[in-house]
C-alpha atoms as a PDB file:
ATOM      1  CA  GLN A   1      78.740 129.847 113.215  1.00  0.00           C
ATOM      2  CA  VAL A   2      80.034 126.624 111.507  1.00  0.00           C
ATOM      3  CA  GLN A   3      82.071 126.954 108.363  1.00  0.00           C
ATOM      4  CA  PHE A   4      83.800 124.575 106.285  1.00  0.00           C
ATOM      5  CA  VAL A   5      86.123 126.351 103.434  1.00  0.00           C
ATOM      6  CA  GLU A   6      87.431 123.684 100.773  1.00  0.00           C
ATOM      7  CA  SER A   7      90.262 124.587  98.513  1.00  0.00           C
ATOM      8  CA  GLY A   8      92.801 122.895  96.198  1.00  0.00           C
ATOM      9  CA  GLY A   9      90.802 121.969  93.262  1.00  0.00           C
ATOM     10  CA  GLY A  10      91.396 122.660  89.648  1.00  0.00           C
ATOM     11  CA  LEU A  11      92.061 121.037  86.253  1.00  0.00           C
ATOM     12  CA  VAL A  12      94.166 118.082  85.849  1.00  0.00           C
ATOM     13  CA  GLN A  13      94.964 115.865  83.241  1.00  0.00           C
ATOM     14  CA  PRO A  14      94.044 112.200  83.484  1.00  0.00           C
ATOM     15  CA  GLY A  15      96.392 110.132  85.896  1.00  0.00           C
ATOM     16  CA  GLY A  16      97.347 113.407  87.662  1.00  0.00           C
ATOM     17  CA  SER A  17      96.981 114.501  91.251  1.00  0.00           C
ATOM     18  CA  LEU A  18      95.619 117.042  93.438  1.00  0.00           C
ATOM     19  CA  ARG A  19      95.083 117.710  97.254  1.00  0.00           C
ATOM     20  CA  LEU A  20      92.122 118.977  98.724  1.00  0.00           C
ATOM     21  CA  SER A  21      92.145 120.949 101.971  1.00  0.00           C
ATOM     22  CA  CYS A  22      89.110 121.799 104.296  1.00  0.00           C
ATOM     23  CA  ALA A  23      89.396 124.092 107.032  1.00  0.00           C
ATOM     24  CA  ALA A  24      86.830 124.035 109.704  1.00  0.00           C
ATOM     25  CA  SER A  25      85.737 126.724 112.205  1.00  0.00           C
ATOM     26  CA  GLY A  26      82.672 126.904 114.591  1.00  0.00           C
ATOM     27  CA  ILE A  27      83.104 123.303 115.886  1.00  0.00           C
ATOM     28  CA  ILE A  28      85.275 121.265 118.205  1.00  0.00           C
ATOM     29  CA  PHE A  29      86.848 119.964 115.028  1.00  0.00           C
ATOM     30  CA  ARG A  30      88.300 116.836 117.051  1.00  0.00           C
ATOM     31  CA  LEU A  31      85.245 115.557 118.320  1.00  0.00           C
ATOM     32  CA  TYR A  32      83.781 115.169 114.773  1.00  0.00           C
ATOM     33  CA  ALA A  33      84.137 112.532 112.264  1.00  0.00           C
ATOM     34  CA  MET A  34      84.591 113.909 108.919  1.00  0.00           C
ATOM     35  CA  GLY A  35      83.614 113.294 105.338  1.00  0.00           C
ATOM     36  CA  TRP A  36      84.481 114.387 101.794  1.00  0.00           C
ATOM     37  CA  TYR A  37      81.671 114.286  99.330  1.00  0.00           C
ATOM     38  CA  ARG A  38      81.370 115.273  95.671  1.00  0.00           C
ATOM     39  CA  GLN A  39      78.383 115.956  93.399  1.00  0.00           C
ATOM     40  CA  ASP A  40      78.082 116.254  89.775  1.00  0.00           C
ATOM     41  CA  PRO A  41      75.533 118.482  87.897  1.00  0.00           C
ATOM     42  CA  GLY A  42      72.525 116.250  87.740  1.00  0.00           C
ATOM     43  CA  LYS A  43      73.564 113.594  89.945  1.00  0.00           C
ATOM     44  CA  GLN A  44      72.991 112.937  93.498  1.00  0.00           C
ATOM     45  CA  ARG A  45      75.865 114.190  96.157  1.00  0.00           C
ATOM     46  CA  GLU A  46      77.867 111.216  97.074  1.00  0.00           C
ATOM     47  CA  LEU A  47      80.179 110.188  99.934  1.00  0.00           C
ATOM     48  CA  VAL A  48      83.714 109.724  98.744  1.00  0.00           C
ATOM     49  CA  ALA A  49      85.568 109.339 101.874  1.00  0.00           C
ATOM     50  CA  SER A  50      85.342 109.362 105.582  1.00  0.00           C
ATOM     51  CA  ILE A  51      87.619 109.470 108.764  1.00  0.00           C
ATOM     52  CA  THR A  52      86.603 108.957 112.415  1.00  0.00           C
ATOM     53  CA  THR A  53      87.882 111.101 115.325  1.00  0.00           C
ATOM     54  CA  GLY A  54      90.183 108.244 116.082  1.00  0.00           C
ATOM     55  CA  GLY A  55      91.710 108.176 112.323  1.00  0.00           C
ATOM     56  CA  SER A  56      89.914 105.125 110.774  1.00  0.00           C
ATOM     57  CA  THR A  57      89.115 105.553 107.321  1.00  0.00           C
ATOM     58  CA  ASN A  58      86.653 104.705 104.670  1.00  0.00           C
ATOM     59  CA  TYR A  59      86.379 104.713 101.051  1.00  0.00           C
ATOM     60  CA  ALA A  60      83.849 104.500  98.146  1.00  0.00           C
ATOM     61  CA  ASP A  61      84.720 101.719  95.908  1.00  0.00           C
ATOM     62  CA  SER A  62      85.086 104.065  93.091  1.00  0.00           C
ATOM     63  CA  VAL A  63      87.950 105.566  94.842  1.00  0.00           C
ATOM     64  CA  LYS A  64      89.535 102.895  97.168  1.00  0.00           C
ATOM     65  CA  ASP A  65      93.428 102.716  96.435  1.00  0.00           C
ATOM     66  CA  ARG A  66      93.567 106.212  94.631  1.00  0.00           C
ATOM     67  CA  PHE A  67      92.211 108.678  97.223  1.00  0.00           C
ATOM     68  CA  THR A  68      93.486 109.033 100.886  1.00  0.00           C
ATOM     69  CA  ILE A  69      91.766 111.088 103.501  1.00  0.00           C
ATOM     70  CA  SER A  70      93.603 112.395 106.486  1.00  0.00           C
ATOM     71  CA  ARG A  71      93.014 115.158 109.340  1.00  0.00           C
ATOM     72  CA  ASP A  72      95.208 117.600 111.431  1.00  0.00           C
ATOM     73  CA  ASN A  73      93.056 118.219 114.616  1.00  0.00           C
ATOM     74  CA  ALA A  74      95.660 120.771 115.623  1.00  0.00           C
ATOM     75  CA  LYS A  75      94.919 122.985 112.233  1.00  0.00           C
ATOM     76  CA  ASN A  76      91.320 122.056 112.130  1.00  0.00           C
ATOM     77  CA  THR A  77      91.963 120.543 108.907  1.00  0.00           C
ATOM     78  CA  VAL A  78      90.679 117.593 106.581  1.00  0.00           C
ATOM     79  CA  TYR A  79      92.533 116.469 103.574  1.00  0.00           C
ATOM     80  CA  LEU A  80      91.939 114.272 100.562  1.00  0.00           C
ATOM     81  CA  GLN A  81      94.932 113.216  98.493  1.00  0.00           C
ATOM     82  CA  MET A  82      93.577 112.321  95.082  1.00  0.00           C
ATOM     83  CA  ASN A  83      95.819 110.299  92.764  1.00  0.00           C
ATOM     84  CA  SER A  84      95.536 108.656  89.442  1.00  0.00           C
ATOM     85  CA  LEU A  85      92.632 110.845  88.737  1.00  0.00           C
ATOM     86  CA  LYS A  86      90.046 109.884  86.113  1.00  0.00           C
ATOM     87  CA  PRO A  87      87.590 111.986  84.144  1.00  0.00           C
ATOM     88  CA  GLU A  88      84.775 110.675  86.007  1.00  0.00           C
ATOM     89  CA  ASP A  89      86.219 112.127  89.223  1.00  0.00           C
ATOM     90  CA  THR A  90      85.233 115.643  87.923  1.00  0.00           C
ATOM     91  CA  ALA A  91      82.967 117.062  90.221  1.00  0.00           C
ATOM     92  CA  VAL A  92      82.375 119.900  93.037  1.00  0.00           C
ATOM     93  CA  TYR A  93      84.107 118.440  96.189  1.00  0.00           C
ATOM     94  CA  TYR A  94      82.893 119.341  99.613  1.00  0.00           C
ATOM     95  CA  CYS A  95      83.717 118.419 103.214  1.00  0.00           C
ATOM     96  CA  ASN A  96      81.221 118.116 105.987  1.00  0.00           C
ATOM     97  CA  THR A  97      80.738 116.008 109.059  1.00  0.00           C
ATOM     98  CA  TYR A  98      80.184 112.507 108.729  1.00  0.00           C
ATOM     99  CA  PRO A  99      77.086 111.696 108.962  1.00  0.00           C
ATOM    100  CA  ASN A 100      76.568 115.376 107.124  1.00  0.00           C
ATOM    101  CA  ILE A 101      74.798 118.133 108.759  1.00  0.00           C
ATOM    102  CA  ARG A 102      72.614 119.994 105.954  1.00  0.00           C
ATOM    103  CA  ALA A 103      73.353 123.251 107.273  1.00  0.00           C
ATOM    104  CA  TYR A 104      76.997 122.922 107.201  1.00  0.00           C
ATOM    105  CA  TRP A 105      77.473 122.479 103.440  1.00  0.00           C
ATOM    106  CA  GLY A 106      80.055 125.128 102.051  1.00  0.00           C
ATOM    107  CA  GLN A 107      80.750 126.130  98.632  1.00  0.00           C
ATOM    108  CA  GLY A 108      82.990 123.477  97.584  1.00  0.00           C
ATOM    109  CA  THR A 109      85.912 123.186  95.224  1.00  0.00           C
ATOM    110  CA  GLN A 110      85.859 122.053  91.647  1.00  0.00           C
ATOM    111  CA  VAL A 111      87.776 119.298  90.493  1.00  0.00           C
ATOM    112  CA  THR A 112      88.071 118.858  86.739  1.00  0.00           C
ATOM    113  CA  VAL A 113      89.947 115.999  85.142  1.00  0.00           C
ATOM    114  CA  SER A 114      90.232 116.479  81.381  1.00  0.00           C
ATOM    115  CA  SER A 115      93.033 116.309  78.763  1.00  0.00           C
END
């Protein structure tokens, strides 16, 4: 059974930083491109960042130069380092394969940016 478990979210002030982690199980992790996605209530889920099996990365324009995605295949984990956070980054953050597979969505981790 495939499972993604996200962690690391929380409440942070504007300009602050958080590091999200996503532990994968039930898949041969190194064979999959991975993505971080986010969803604000009332909005569609959007792709924030992706990383290929070879480590190439891509980012949404809204987070470019502020967020960094990385992966550790030995730990079956993908990370999202988020710096210079803004209130508009507030959302539930999820990881999944890229492209995403509907059955693999986890619970996500809440990120709230507020003073």
